[in-house]
Amino acid sequence: MRMAYDIIKRPVITEQSMADAEMKRYVFEVAKDSNKVEIAKAVEEIFGVKVVKVNTMNVQGKLKRTGRYPAGRRASWKKAMVTLSDDSKAIELFEGMV
């Protein structure tokens, strides 16, 4: 069995994710082979909150030019949007950034 920190890689900090943090919806980069149940358990274990819903999506890597040679590609990754319950506390990691 994998550890929770193997499933949750890092938070995704964007304008949209900061706006969603007010509604207790947080965005994380997660392991590509993890499923919604594993992601929910990992977030509950790491942050001590109650997860209501998990949405996931696979993000394709962008094409990037490398000079005059053919374009390369950034790595693809998986994104998870986690919604917390109303009575759950907020995640402190996102607090000071809004």
N, C-alpha and C. Protein backbone atom coordinates (compact mmCIF):
# COMPACT_ATOMS: atom_id res chain seq x y z
N MET A 1 0.84 -1.19 0.00
CA MET A 1 0.00 0.00 0.00
C MET A 1 0.87 1.24 0.00
N ARG A 2 0.47 2.23 -0.78
CA ARG A 2 1.25 3.45 -0.89
C ARG A 2 0.94 4.41 0.24
N MET A 3 1.91 5.27 0.53
CA MET A 3 1.71 6.31 1.53
C MET A 3 0.89 7.45 0.93
N ALA A 4 0.30 8.26 1.78
CA ALA A 4 -0.53 9.38 1.32
C ALA A 4 0.30 10.39 0.56
N TYR A 5 1.55 10.57 0.95
CA TYR A 5 2.41 11.54 0.28
C TYR A 5 2.90 11.05 -1.08
N ASP A 6 2.75 9.75 -1.37
CA ASP A 6 3.04 9.23 -2.70
C ASP A 6 1.89 9.53 -3.66
N ILE A 7 0.68 9.68 -3.13
CA ILE A 7 -0.49 9.95 -3.96
C ILE A 7 -0.63 11.44 -4.24
N ILE A 8 -0.55 12.27 -3.19
CA ILE A 8 -0.66 13.73 -3.33
C ILE A 8 0.74 14.28 -3.56
N LYS A 9 0.98 14.85 -4.75
CA LYS A 9 2.32 15.35 -5.06
C LYS A 9 2.51 16.79 -4.64
N ARG A 10 1.59 17.69 -5.06
CA ARG A 10 1.73 19.11 -4.72
C ARG A 10 0.40 19.81 -4.96
N PRO A 11 0.19 20.95 -4.30
CA PRO A 11 -1.01 21.73 -4.61
C PRO A 11 -0.81 22.52 -5.91
N VAL A 12 -1.91 22.79 -6.60
CA VAL A 12 -1.87 23.59 -7.81
C VAL A 12 -2.35 24.99 -7.43
N ILE A 13 -1.46 25.98 -7.57
CA ILE A 13 -1.75 27.35 -7.17
C ILE A 13 -1.98 28.19 -8.42
N THR A 14 -3.25 28.50 -8.71
CA THR A 14 -3.61 29.36 -9.82
C THR A 14 -4.70 30.32 -9.34
N GLU A 15 -5.06 31.29 -10.18
CA GLU A 15 -6.13 32.20 -9.81
C GLU A 15 -7.45 31.45 -9.62
N GLN A 16 -7.73 30.52 -10.51
CA GLN A 16 -8.97 29.77 -10.41
C GLN A 16 -9.00 28.90 -9.16
N SER A 17 -7.90 28.26 -8.82
CA SER A 17 -7.89 27.40 -7.63
C SER A 17 -7.99 28.23 -6.35
N MET A 18 -7.46 29.44 -6.36
CA MET A 18 -7.59 30.31 -5.19
C MET A 18 -9.03 30.80 -5.04
N ALA A 19 -9.72 31.05 -6.14
CA ALA A 19 -11.13 31.44 -6.07
C ALA A 19 -11.98 30.27 -5.57
N ASP A 20 -11.64 29.06 -5.97
CA ASP A 20 -12.38 27.88 -5.52
C ASP A 20 -12.10 27.54 -4.06
N ALA A 21 -10.97 28.00 -3.51
CA ALA A 21 -10.63 27.71 -2.12
C ALA A 21 -11.64 28.33 -1.17
N GLU A 22 -12.29 29.42 -1.57
CA GLU A 22 -13.31 30.04 -0.73
C GLU A 22 -14.53 29.13 -0.59
N MET A 23 -14.77 28.27 -1.59
CA MET A 23 -15.88 27.32 -1.54
C MET A 23 -15.42 25.95 -1.04
N LYS A 24 -14.24 25.90 -0.43
CA LYS A 24 -13.64 24.66 0.10
C LYS A 24 -13.43 23.62 -0.99
N ARG A 25 -12.96 24.08 -2.15
CA ARG A 25 -12.58 23.19 -3.25
C ARG A 25 -11.10 23.44 -3.52
N TYR A 26 -10.29 22.40 -3.41
CA TYR A 26 -8.84 22.53 -3.53
C TYR A 26 -8.34 21.65 -4.67
N VAL A 27 -7.25 22.08 -5.32
CA VAL A 27 -6.72 21.38 -6.49
C VAL A 27 -5.32 20.87 -6.16
N PHE A 28 -5.07 19.62 -6.49
CA PHE A 28 -3.77 18.98 -6.24
C PHE A 28 -3.31 18.25 -7.49
N GLU A 29 -1.99 18.18 -7.66
CA GLU A 29 -1.41 17.26 -8.62
C GLU A 29 -1.25 15.93 -7.90
N VAL A 30 -1.71 14.85 -8.53
CA VAL A 30 -1.69 13.54 -7.89
C VAL A 30 -0.98 12.53 -8.80
N ALA A 31 -0.71 11.36 -8.25
CA ALA A 31 -0.08 10.29 -9.03
C ALA A 31 -1.02 9.84 -10.14
N LYS A 32 -0.46 9.54 -11.30
CA LYS A 32 -1.27 9.21 -12.48
C LYS A 32 -2.07 7.92 -12.30
N ASP A 33 -1.59 6.99 -11.48
CA ASP A 33 -2.28 5.72 -11.32
C ASP A 33 -3.17 5.67 -10.09
N SER A 34 -3.43 6.81 -9.44
CA SER A 34 -4.29 6.83 -8.27
C SER A 34 -5.75 7.02 -8.68
N ASN A 35 -6.66 6.51 -7.85
CA ASN A 35 -8.09 6.66 -8.14
C ASN A 35 -8.72 7.61 -7.13
N LYS A 36 -10.01 7.88 -7.28
CA LYS A 36 -10.69 8.87 -6.46
C LYS A 36 -10.74 8.48 -4.99
N VAL A 37 -10.93 7.21 -4.70
CA VAL A 37 -10.99 6.74 -3.32
C VAL A 37 -9.64 6.93 -2.63
N GLU A 38 -8.55 6.57 -3.31
CA GLU A 38 -7.22 6.76 -2.74
C GLU A 38 -6.92 8.24 -2.51
N ILE A 39 -7.32 9.10 -3.44
CA ILE A 39 -7.07 10.53 -3.30
C ILE A 39 -7.82 11.09 -2.11
N ALA A 40 -9.09 10.70 -1.95
CA ALA A 40 -9.89 11.18 -0.82
C ALA A 40 -9.29 10.75 0.51
N LYS A 41 -8.87 9.49 0.61
CA LYS A 41 -8.27 9.00 1.85
C LYS A 41 -6.95 9.71 2.15
N ALA A 42 -6.15 9.98 1.11
CA ALA A 42 -4.87 10.65 1.31
C ALA A 42 -5.06 12.08 1.80
N VAL A 43 -6.02 12.82 1.22
CA VAL A 43 -6.26 14.20 1.66
C VAL A 43 -6.79 14.20 3.09
N GLU A 44 -7.68 13.28 3.43
CA GLU A 44 -8.19 13.20 4.80
C GLU A 44 -7.08 12.88 5.79
N GLU A 45 -6.16 12.02 5.40
CA GLU A 45 -5.06 11.65 6.30
C GLU A 45 -4.06 12.78 6.47
N ILE A 46 -3.70 13.45 5.41
CA ILE A 46 -2.67 14.49 5.47
C ILE A 46 -3.18 15.74 6.19
N PHE A 47 -4.38 16.20 5.83
CA PHE A 47 -4.86 17.49 6.32
C PHE A 47 -5.89 17.37 7.44
N GLY A 48 -6.39 16.19 7.74
CA GLY A 48 -7.36 16.02 8.82
C GLY A 48 -8.70 16.67 8.52
N VAL A 49 -9.20 16.51 7.31
CA VAL A 49 -10.47 17.11 6.89
C VAL A 49 -11.40 16.01 6.39
N LYS A 50 -12.66 16.36 6.10
CA LYS A 50 -13.65 15.42 5.57
C LYS A 50 -13.90 15.74 4.11
N VAL A 51 -13.60 14.80 3.22
CA VAL A 51 -13.77 14.98 1.78
C VAL A 51 -15.15 14.49 1.37
N VAL A 52 -15.86 15.33 0.59
CA VAL A 52 -17.19 14.99 0.10
C VAL A 52 -17.12 14.46 -1.32
N LYS A 53 -16.30 15.11 -2.17
CA LYS A 53 -16.30 14.81 -3.60
C LYS A 53 -14.90 14.97 -4.17
N VAL A 54 -14.55 14.12 -5.13
CA VAL A 54 -13.27 14.21 -5.83
C VAL A 54 -13.53 14.14 -7.32
N ASN A 55 -13.04 15.14 -8.05
CA ASN A 55 -13.08 15.13 -9.52
C ASN A 55 -11.64 15.02 -10.01
N THR A 56 -11.40 14.19 -11.02
CA THR A 56 -10.05 14.04 -11.55
C THR A 56 -10.04 14.29 -13.04
N MET A 57 -8.87 14.69 -13.54
CA MET A 57 -8.70 14.85 -14.99
C MET A 57 -7.23 14.64 -15.32
N ASN A 58 -7.01 14.05 -16.50
CA ASN A 58 -5.66 13.88 -17.01
C ASN A 58 -5.32 15.10 -17.86
N VAL A 59 -4.20 15.76 -17.55
CA VAL A 59 -3.78 16.97 -18.24
C VAL A 59 -2.66 16.59 -19.21
N GLN A 60 -2.86 16.89 -20.48
CA GLN A 60 -1.83 16.60 -21.49
C GLN A 60 -0.71 17.62 -21.40
N GLY A 61 0.52 17.18 -21.61
CA GLY A 61 1.66 18.08 -21.60
C GLY A 61 1.63 19.01 -22.80
N LYS A 62 2.08 20.23 -22.59
CA LYS A 62 2.06 21.21 -23.67
C LYS A 62 3.23 20.97 -24.63
N LEU A 63 3.02 21.32 -25.89
CA LEU A 63 4.11 21.30 -26.85
C LEU A 63 5.00 22.52 -26.62
N LYS A 64 6.30 22.32 -26.59
CA LYS A 64 7.25 23.40 -26.37
C LYS A 64 8.34 23.35 -27.43
N ARG A 65 8.68 24.50 -27.96
CA ARG A 65 9.74 24.58 -28.97
C ARG A 65 11.10 24.47 -28.30
N THR A 66 12.03 23.87 -29.01
CA THR A 66 13.40 23.77 -28.52
C THR A 66 14.34 24.30 -29.58
N GLY A 67 14.20 25.57 -29.90
CA GLY A 67 15.03 26.17 -30.95
C GLY A 67 14.48 25.83 -32.32
N ARG A 68 15.36 25.53 -33.25
CA ARG A 68 14.89 25.24 -34.61
C ARG A 68 14.52 23.78 -34.81
N TYR A 69 14.75 22.96 -33.79
CA TYR A 69 14.43 21.54 -33.90
C TYR A 69 12.94 21.31 -33.67
N PRO A 70 12.46 20.13 -33.94
CA PRO A 70 11.03 19.86 -33.71
C PRO A 70 10.65 20.09 -32.25
N ALA A 71 9.40 20.42 -32.06
CA ALA A 71 8.91 20.74 -30.73
C ALA A 71 8.95 19.50 -29.83
N GLY A 72 9.24 19.74 -28.56
CA GLY A 72 9.20 18.69 -27.56
C GLY A 72 7.87 18.77 -26.83
N ARG A 73 7.71 17.98 -25.81
CA ARG A 73 6.47 17.96 -25.06
C ARG A 73 6.78 17.88 -23.57
N ARG A 74 6.06 18.69 -22.80
CA ARG A 74 6.16 18.59 -21.34
C ARG A 74 5.46 17.31 -20.89
N ALA A 75 5.73 16.91 -19.66
CA ALA A 75 5.15 15.68 -19.14
C ALA A 75 3.65 15.85 -18.88
N SER A 76 2.89 14.80 -19.13
CA SER A 76 1.48 14.78 -18.80
C SER A 76 1.33 14.48 -17.31
N TRP A 77 0.23 14.94 -16.70
CA TRP A 77 0.02 14.74 -15.27
C TRP A 77 -1.47 14.65 -14.97
N LYS A 78 -1.79 14.29 -13.73
CA LYS A 78 -3.18 14.12 -13.32
C LYS A 78 -3.52 15.15 -12.25
N LYS A 79 -4.69 15.76 -12.41
CA LYS A 79 -5.15 16.80 -11.49
C LYS A 79 -6.39 16.31 -10.77
N ALA A 80 -6.48 16.61 -9.46
CA ALA A 80 -7.64 16.24 -8.66
C ALA A 80 -8.20 17.48 -7.99
N MET A 81 -9.53 17.69 -8.14
CA MET A 81 -10.23 18.78 -7.47
C MET A 81 -11.02 18.16 -6.33
N VAL A 82 -10.65 18.53 -5.10
CA VAL A 82 -11.22 17.92 -3.90
C VAL A 82 -12.15 18.92 -3.24
N THR A 83 -13.39 18.52 -2.99
CA THR A 83 -14.38 19.35 -2.30
C THR A 83 -14.54 18.84 -0.87
N LEU A 84 -14.45 19.76 0.09
CA LEU A 84 -14.57 19.40 1.50
C LEU A 84 -16.00 19.63 1.98
N SER A 85 -16.35 19.01 3.10
CA SER A 85 -17.68 19.20 3.67
C SER A 85 -17.78 20.59 4.28
N ASP A 86 -19.02 21.05 4.50
CA ASP A 86 -19.24 22.40 5.04
C ASP A 86 -18.72 22.55 6.46
N ASP A 87 -18.83 21.49 7.27
CA ASP A 87 -18.38 21.58 8.66
C ASP A 87 -16.89 21.29 8.81
N SER A 88 -16.20 20.98 7.74
CA SER A 88 -14.77 20.69 7.78
C SER A 88 -13.97 21.99 7.84
N LYS A 89 -12.80 21.92 8.47
CA LYS A 89 -11.95 23.10 8.54
C LYS A 89 -11.26 23.33 7.19
N ALA A 90 -10.79 24.55 6.96
CA ALA A 90 -10.08 24.88 5.72
C ALA A 90 -8.66 24.34 5.79
N ILE A 91 -8.06 24.10 4.65
CA ILE A 91 -6.66 23.64 4.59
C ILE A 91 -5.75 24.85 4.75
N GLU A 92 -4.86 24.82 5.71
CA GLU A 92 -4.03 25.97 6.05
C GLU A 92 -3.06 26.36 4.94
N LEU A 93 -2.71 25.41 4.10
CA LEU A 93 -1.76 25.66 3.03
C LEU A 93 -2.25 26.75 2.09
N PHE A 94 -3.54 26.85 1.89
CA PHE A 94 -4.12 27.80 0.94
C PHE A 94 -4.57 29.10 1.60
N GLU A 95 -4.47 29.23 2.92
CA GLU A 95 -5.08 30.33 3.64
C GLU A 95 -4.46 31.70 3.31
N GLY A 96 -3.15 31.84 3.38
CA GLY A 96 -2.53 33.15 3.25
C GLY A 96 -2.37 33.64 1.82
N MET A 97 -2.80 32.89 0.83
CA MET A 97 -2.54 33.25 -0.55
C MET A 97 -3.68 34.01 -1.22
N VAL A 98 -4.84 34.05 -0.60
CA VAL A 98 -5.99 34.72 -1.22
C VAL A 98 -5.96 36.19 -0.91
